[in-house]
C-alpha atoms as a PDB file:
ATOM      1  CA  GLY A   1       3.675  17.095 -14.102  1.00  0.00           C
ATOM      2  CA  GLU A   2       6.766  15.326 -15.281  1.00  0.00           C
ATOM      3  CA  PRO A   3       6.925  11.531 -15.360  1.00  0.00           C
ATOM      4  CA  LEU A   4       8.579  10.059 -12.271  1.00  0.00           C
ATOM      5  CA  ALA A   5      10.898   7.111 -12.859  1.00  0.00           C
ATOM      6  CA  VAL A   6      12.152   4.758 -10.167  1.00  0.00           C
ATOM      7  CA  VAL A   7      15.064   2.373  -9.808  1.00  0.00           C
ATOM      8  CA  GLY A   8      13.661  -1.094  -9.344  1.00  0.00           C
ATOM      9  CA  ASN A   9      12.371  -4.278 -10.844  1.00  0.00           C
ATOM     10  CA  LYS A  10       9.293  -3.520 -12.972  1.00  0.00           C
ATOM     11  CA  GLY A  11       7.597  -6.786 -12.006  1.00  0.00           C
ATOM     12  CA  PHE A  12       8.180  -6.205  -8.293  1.00  0.00           C
ATOM     13  CA  VAL A  13       6.838  -2.648  -8.440  1.00  0.00           C
ATOM     14  CA  HIS A  14       3.801  -3.913 -10.355  1.00  0.00           C
ATOM     15  CA  GLN A  15       3.157  -6.615  -7.740  1.00  0.00           C
ATOM     16  CA  ILE A  16       3.365  -4.141  -4.863  1.00  0.00           C
ATOM     17  CA  LEU A  17       0.937  -1.723  -6.506  1.00  0.00           C
ATOM     18  CA  VAL A  18      -1.504  -4.499  -7.433  1.00  0.00           C
ATOM     19  CA  ASN A  19      -1.487  -5.706  -3.808  1.00  0.00           C
ATOM     20  CA  LEU A  20      -2.073  -2.211  -2.418  1.00  0.00           C
ATOM     21  CA  VAL A  21      -4.874  -1.377  -4.846  1.00  0.00           C
ATOM     22  CA  GLN A  22      -6.565  -4.766  -4.407  1.00  0.00           C
ATOM     23  CA  ASN A  23      -6.513  -4.411  -0.617  1.00  0.00           C
ATOM     24  CA  ALA A  24      -8.048  -0.938  -0.899  1.00  0.00           C
ATOM     25  CA  VAL A  25     -10.760  -2.218  -3.237  1.00  0.00           C
ATOM     26  CA  ASP A  26     -11.494  -5.133  -0.887  1.00  0.00           C
ATOM     27  CA  VAL A  27     -11.875  -2.914   2.186  1.00  0.00           C
ATOM     28  CA  MET A  28     -14.284  -0.593   0.358  1.00  0.00           C
ATOM     29  CA  GLU A  29     -16.460  -3.406  -0.994  1.00  0.00           C
ATOM     30  CA  GLU A  30     -19.467  -2.551   1.182  1.00  0.00           C
ATOM     31  CA  LEU A  31     -19.262   1.241   0.814  1.00  0.00           C
ATOM     32  CA  ALA A  32     -21.956   3.118  -1.093  1.00  0.00           C
ATOM     33  CA  ALA A  33     -19.397   5.601  -2.468  1.00  0.00           C
ATOM     34  CA  PRO A  34     -15.920   4.032  -2.514  1.00  0.00           C
ATOM     35  CA  VAL A  35     -13.014   6.351  -3.304  1.00  0.00           C
ATOM     36  CA  LEU A  36      -9.518   5.210  -4.249  1.00  0.00           C
ATOM     37  CA  LEU A  37      -6.876   7.924  -4.495  1.00  0.00           C
ATOM     38  CA  LEU A  38      -3.429   7.400  -6.001  1.00  0.00           C
ATOM     39  CA  ARG A  39      -0.824  10.110  -5.627  1.00  0.00           C
ATOM     40  CA  CYS A  40       2.745  10.093  -6.895  1.00  0.00           C
ATOM     41  CA  PHE A  41       5.384  12.675  -6.033  1.00  0.00           C
ATOM     42  CA  ARG A  42       9.103  13.106  -5.555  1.00  0.00           C
ATOM     43  CA  GLU A  43      10.558  13.650  -2.086  1.00  0.00           C
ATOM     44  CA  ARG A  44      14.310  14.251  -2.154  1.00  0.00           C
ATOM     45  CA  GLU A  45      15.892  11.151  -3.766  1.00  0.00           C
ATOM     46  CA  MET A  46      12.728   9.052  -3.496  1.00  0.00           C
ATOM     47  CA  VAL A  47       9.528   8.699  -5.483  1.00  0.00           C
ATOM     48  CA  ILE A  48       6.505   8.185  -3.240  1.00  0.00           C
ATOM     49  CA  VAL A  49       3.348   6.445  -4.424  1.00  0.00           C
ATOM     50  CA  GLU A  50       0.419   6.787  -2.042  1.00  0.00           C
ATOM     51  CA  VAL A  51      -2.607   4.513  -2.215  1.00  0.00           C
ATOM     52  CA  ARG A  52      -5.478   5.853  -0.115  1.00  0.00           C
ATOM     53  CA  ASP A  53      -8.983   4.505   0.413  1.00  0.00           C
ATOM     54  CA  ASN A  54     -12.027   5.860   2.215  1.00  0.00           C
ATOM     55  CA  GLY A  55     -12.688   2.629   4.077  1.00  0.00           C
ATOM     56  CA  PRO A  56     -12.910   2.268   7.852  1.00  0.00           C
ATOM     57  CA  GLY A  57      -9.157   2.589   8.396  1.00  0.00           C
ATOM     58  CA  ILE A  58      -6.999   0.150  10.326  1.00  0.00           C
ATOM     59  CA  PRO A  59      -7.440  -0.305  14.078  1.00  0.00           C
ATOM     60  CA  GLN A  60      -4.455   1.180  15.937  1.00  0.00           C
ATOM     61  CA  GLU A  61      -3.478  -2.211  17.383  1.00  0.00           C
ATOM     62  CA  ASN A  62      -3.207  -3.650  13.861  1.00  0.00           C
ATOM     63  CA  LEU A  63      -1.221  -0.843  12.200  1.00  0.00           C
ATOM     64  CA  MET A  64       2.169  -2.372  12.999  1.00  0.00           C
ATOM     65  CA  ARG A  65       0.997  -5.921  12.299  1.00  0.00           C
ATOM     66  CA  VAL A  66      -0.233  -5.501   8.725  1.00  0.00           C
ATOM     67  CA  PHE A  67       3.216  -6.359   7.336  1.00  0.00           C
ATOM     68  CA  ASP A  68       3.561  -9.521   9.460  1.00  0.00           C
ATOM     69  CA  PRO A  69       3.336 -12.847   7.604  1.00  0.00           C
ATOM     70  CA  PHE A  70      -0.098 -14.495   7.725  1.00  0.00           C
ATOM     71  CA  PHE A  71      -1.746 -11.504   9.408  1.00  0.00           C
ATOM     72  CA  THR A  72      -5.150 -10.829   7.895  1.00  0.00           C
ATOM     73  CA  THR A  73      -8.461  -9.362   8.940  1.00  0.00           C
ATOM     74  CA  LYS A  74     -10.233 -10.799   5.897  1.00  0.00           C
ATOM     75  CA  GLU A  75     -12.732 -13.624   6.109  1.00  0.00           C
ATOM     76  CA  VAL A  76     -11.461 -17.185   5.794  1.00  0.00           C
ATOM     77  CA  GLY A  77     -10.821 -17.932   2.140  1.00  0.00           C
ATOM     78  CA  LYS A  78     -10.560 -14.231   1.203  1.00  0.00           C
ATOM     79  CA  GLY A  79      -6.877 -13.634   1.926  1.00  0.00           C
ATOM     80  CA  THR A  80      -3.667 -15.371   2.903  1.00  0.00           C
ATOM     81  CA  GLY A  81      -2.125 -12.597   4.968  1.00  0.00           C
ATOM     82  CA  LEU A  82       0.908 -12.607   2.680  1.00  0.00           C
ATOM     83  CA  GLY A  83       0.221  -9.748   0.243  1.00  0.00           C
ATOM     84  CA  LEU A  84       1.481  -6.891   2.404  1.00  0.00           C
ATOM     85  CA  TYR A  85       4.266  -9.020   3.882  1.00  0.00           C
ATOM     86  CA  ILE A  86       5.538  -9.819   0.378  1.00  0.00           C
ATOM     87  CA  SER A  87       5.037  -6.227  -0.772  1.00  0.00           C
ATOM     88  CA  TYR A  88       7.067  -4.909   2.161  1.00  0.00           C
ATOM     89  CA  GLY A  89       9.873  -7.352   1.379  1.00  0.00           C
ATOM     90  CA  LEU A  90       9.886  -6.422  -2.311  1.00  0.00           C
ATOM     91  CA  ALA A  91      10.018  -2.713  -1.451  1.00  0.00           C
ATOM     92  CA  THR A  92      12.868  -3.017   1.047  1.00  0.00           C
ATOM     93  CA  ASP A  93      14.827  -5.430  -1.169  1.00  0.00           C
ATOM     94  CA  GLN A  94      14.944  -2.629  -3.755  1.00  0.00           C
ATOM     95  CA  GLY A  95      16.185  -0.053  -1.258  1.00  0.00           C
ATOM     96  CA  GLY A  96      12.724   1.362  -0.693  1.00  0.00           C
ATOM     97  CA  ASP A  97      10.128   1.326   2.036  1.00  0.00           C
ATOM     98  CA  LEU A  98       6.432   0.656   2.544  1.00  0.00           C
ATOM     99  CA  ARG A  99       4.492   2.369   5.329  1.00  0.00           C
ATOM    100  CA  VAL A 100       0.909   2.597   6.483  1.00  0.00           C
ATOM    101  CA  ALA A 101      -1.111   5.176   8.386  1.00  0.00           C
ATOM    102  CA  ASN A 102      -4.705   6.109   8.936  1.00  0.00           C
ATOM    103  CA  HIS A 103      -5.723   9.299   7.150  1.00  0.00           C
ATOM    104  CA  PRO A 104      -7.184  12.029   9.395  1.00  0.00           C
ATOM    105  CA  ASP A 105     -10.268  12.185   7.140  1.00  0.00           C
ATOM    106  CA  GLY A 106     -10.761   8.402   7.319  1.00  0.00           C
ATOM    107  CA  GLY A 107      -9.421   5.402   5.476  1.00  0.00           C
ATOM    108  CA  ALA A 108      -5.907   4.051   5.233  1.00  0.00           C
ATOM    109  CA  VAL A 109      -2.908   5.378   3.316  1.00  0.00           C
ATOM    110  CA  PHE A 110      -0.118   3.107   2.144  1.00  0.00           C
ATOM    111  CA  SER A 111       3.053   4.912   1.055  1.00  0.00           C
ATOM    112  CA  LEU A 112       5.523   3.140  -1.201  1.00  0.00           C
ATOM    113  CA  ALA A 113       8.915   4.853  -1.416  1.00  0.00           C
ATOM    114  CA  LEU A 114      11.379   3.847  -4.126  1.00  0.00           C
ATOM    115  CA  LYS A 115      14.662   5.394  -5.250  1.00  0.00           C
ATOM    116  CA  ALA A 116      14.185   7.944  -8.014  1.00  0.00           C
ATOM    117  CA  ALA A 117      15.945   7.156 -11.298  1.00  0.00           C
END
């Protein structure tokens, strides 16, 4: 397909994607066959980047908390609970959005939406 360009700060977009991919890698650490899927597509005036893993997914009660500051389910010393909070702020500061859902086939899907260039 055609390249998809976004309006935004290159460093901020990089930081968001690094955070999302690193979280996916972390959650799949114990899996025998980890799968990380990245999908990028245009939806109206936005470019959507989906980061999906085949980990255990996120418990329903935590889905709305993952973007809260200092919220983490990682072991002590493994995470600060700031990565997704910062990523959400960077996305919205650029006129975008960051959402999370559990995939019907298992795992979590983070969707980053940024304005198309």
